[in-house]
Amino acid sequence: MLIRQPIRNTSSNKDTKPRVFDALIEDDEVYLEVKNAKQREIVRLTDVLRQIEEARRAASKN
């Protein structure tokens, strides 16, 4: 079963916190879905976390 969870910017000062993307959860996989106008892009959370970790490592070397 697929669960869609809207992810909002809870740090925003706006009364209605802006929706940034949706988390799609199916079995043991988590995907992030970003919507831009009529297009959408879906990426695995593990791919996002790996890229963030690589960027952290690169930044710590500088």
C-alpha atoms as a PDB file:
ATOM      1  CA  MET A   1       0.000   0.000   0.000  1.00  0.00           C
ATOM      2  CA  LEU A   2       1.285   3.457  -0.944  1.00  0.00           C
ATOM      3  CA  ILE A   3       1.149   6.219   1.664  1.00  0.00           C
ATOM      4  CA  ARG A   4       1.532   9.862   0.592  1.00  0.00           C
ATOM      5  CA  GLN A   5       2.713  12.250   3.313  1.00  0.00           C
ATOM      6  CA  PRO A   6       2.931  15.970   2.507  1.00  0.00           C
ATOM      7  CA  ILE A   7       6.168  17.466   3.849  1.00  0.00           C
ATOM      8  CA  ARG A   8       5.902  21.111   4.836  1.00  0.00           C
ATOM      9  CA  ASN A   9       8.415  23.763   5.818  1.00  0.00           C
ATOM     10  CA  THR A  10       7.597  23.886   9.518  1.00  0.00           C
ATOM     11  CA  SER A  11      10.150  26.696  10.006  1.00  0.00           C
ATOM     12  CA  SER A  12       8.201  29.052   7.732  1.00  0.00           C
ATOM     13  CA  ASN A  13       6.683  32.196   9.218  1.00  0.00           C
ATOM     14  CA  LYS A  14       3.581  31.809   7.037  1.00  0.00           C
ATOM     15  CA  ASP A  15       0.293  30.842   8.693  1.00  0.00           C
ATOM     16  CA  THR A  16      -0.122  27.935   6.287  1.00  0.00           C
ATOM     17  CA  LYS A  17       3.231  26.170   6.159  1.00  0.00           C
ATOM     18  CA  PRO A  18       4.292  25.733   2.504  1.00  0.00           C
ATOM     19  CA  ARG A  19       4.252  22.218   1.089  1.00  0.00           C
ATOM     20  CA  VAL A  20       7.749  21.428  -0.153  1.00  0.00           C
ATOM     21  CA  PHE A  21       7.261  17.882  -1.436  1.00  0.00           C
ATOM     22  CA  ASP A  22       5.495  14.613  -0.707  1.00  0.00           C
ATOM     23  CA  ALA A  23       7.062  11.554   0.873  1.00  0.00           C
ATOM     24  CA  LEU A  24       5.800   8.388  -0.820  1.00  0.00           C
ATOM     25  CA  ILE A  25       6.125   5.298   1.356  1.00  0.00           C
ATOM     26  CA  GLU A  26       5.619   1.838  -0.096  1.00  0.00           C
ATOM     27  CA  ASP A  27       6.765  -1.261   1.747  1.00  0.00           C
ATOM     28  CA  ASP A  28      10.336  -0.477   2.893  1.00  0.00           C
ATOM     29  CA  GLU A  29      11.071   2.167   0.246  1.00  0.00           C
ATOM     30  CA  VAL A  30      10.703   5.929   0.722  1.00  0.00           C
ATOM     31  CA  TYR A  31      10.584   8.278  -2.270  1.00  0.00           C
ATOM     32  CA  LEU A  32      10.391  12.063  -2.436  1.00  0.00           C
ATOM     33  CA  GLU A  33       8.063  13.603  -5.017  1.00  0.00           C
ATOM     34  CA  VAL A  34       8.678  17.209  -6.004  1.00  0.00           C
ATOM     35  CA  LYS A  35       6.054  18.944  -8.109  1.00  0.00           C
ATOM     36  CA  ASN A  36       6.901  21.855 -10.404  1.00  0.00           C
ATOM     37  CA  ALA A  37       3.923  23.170 -12.337  1.00  0.00           C
ATOM     38  CA  LYS A  38       2.699  20.220 -14.416  1.00  0.00           C
ATOM     39  CA  GLN A  39       5.837  18.126 -14.020  1.00  0.00           C
ATOM     40  CA  ARG A  40       6.841  15.880 -11.187  1.00  0.00           C
ATOM     41  CA  GLU A  41      10.098  14.253 -10.209  1.00  0.00           C
ATOM     42  CA  ILE A  42      10.399  11.226  -7.928  1.00  0.00           C
ATOM     43  CA  VAL A  43      13.672  10.320  -6.216  1.00  0.00           C
ATOM     44  CA  ARG A  44      14.543   7.675  -3.612  1.00  0.00           C
ATOM     45  CA  LEU A  45      15.228   9.068  -0.169  1.00  0.00           C
ATOM     46  CA  THR A  46      18.350   6.898   0.064  1.00  0.00           C
ATOM     47  CA  ASP A  47      19.709   8.600  -3.075  1.00  0.00           C
ATOM     48  CA  VAL A  48      19.104  12.023  -1.537  1.00  0.00           C
ATOM     49  CA  LEU A  49      20.752  11.049   1.751  1.00  0.00           C
ATOM     50  CA  ARG A  50      23.770   9.559  -0.049  1.00  0.00           C
ATOM     51  CA  GLN A  51      24.297  12.772  -2.041  1.00  0.00           C
ATOM     52  CA  ILE A  52      24.002  14.867   1.104  1.00  0.00           C
ATOM     53  CA  GLU A  53      26.554  12.686   2.887  1.00  0.00           C
ATOM     54  CA  GLU A  54      28.951  12.928  -0.081  1.00  0.00           C
ATOM     55  CA  ALA A  55      28.609  16.713  -0.030  1.00  0.00           C
ATOM     56  CA  ARG A  56      29.292  16.773   3.721  1.00  0.00           C
ATOM     57  CA  ARG A  57      32.451  14.709   3.253  1.00  0.00           C
ATOM     58  CA  ALA A  58      33.621  16.971   0.444  1.00  0.00           C
ATOM     59  CA  ALA A  59      32.945  20.089   2.522  1.00  0.00           C
ATOM     60  CA  SER A  60      34.866  18.713   5.505  1.00  0.00           C
ATOM     61  CA  LYS A  61      37.941  18.162   3.320  1.00  0.00           C
ATOM     62  CA  ASN A  62      38.038  21.871   2.405  1.00  0.00           C
END
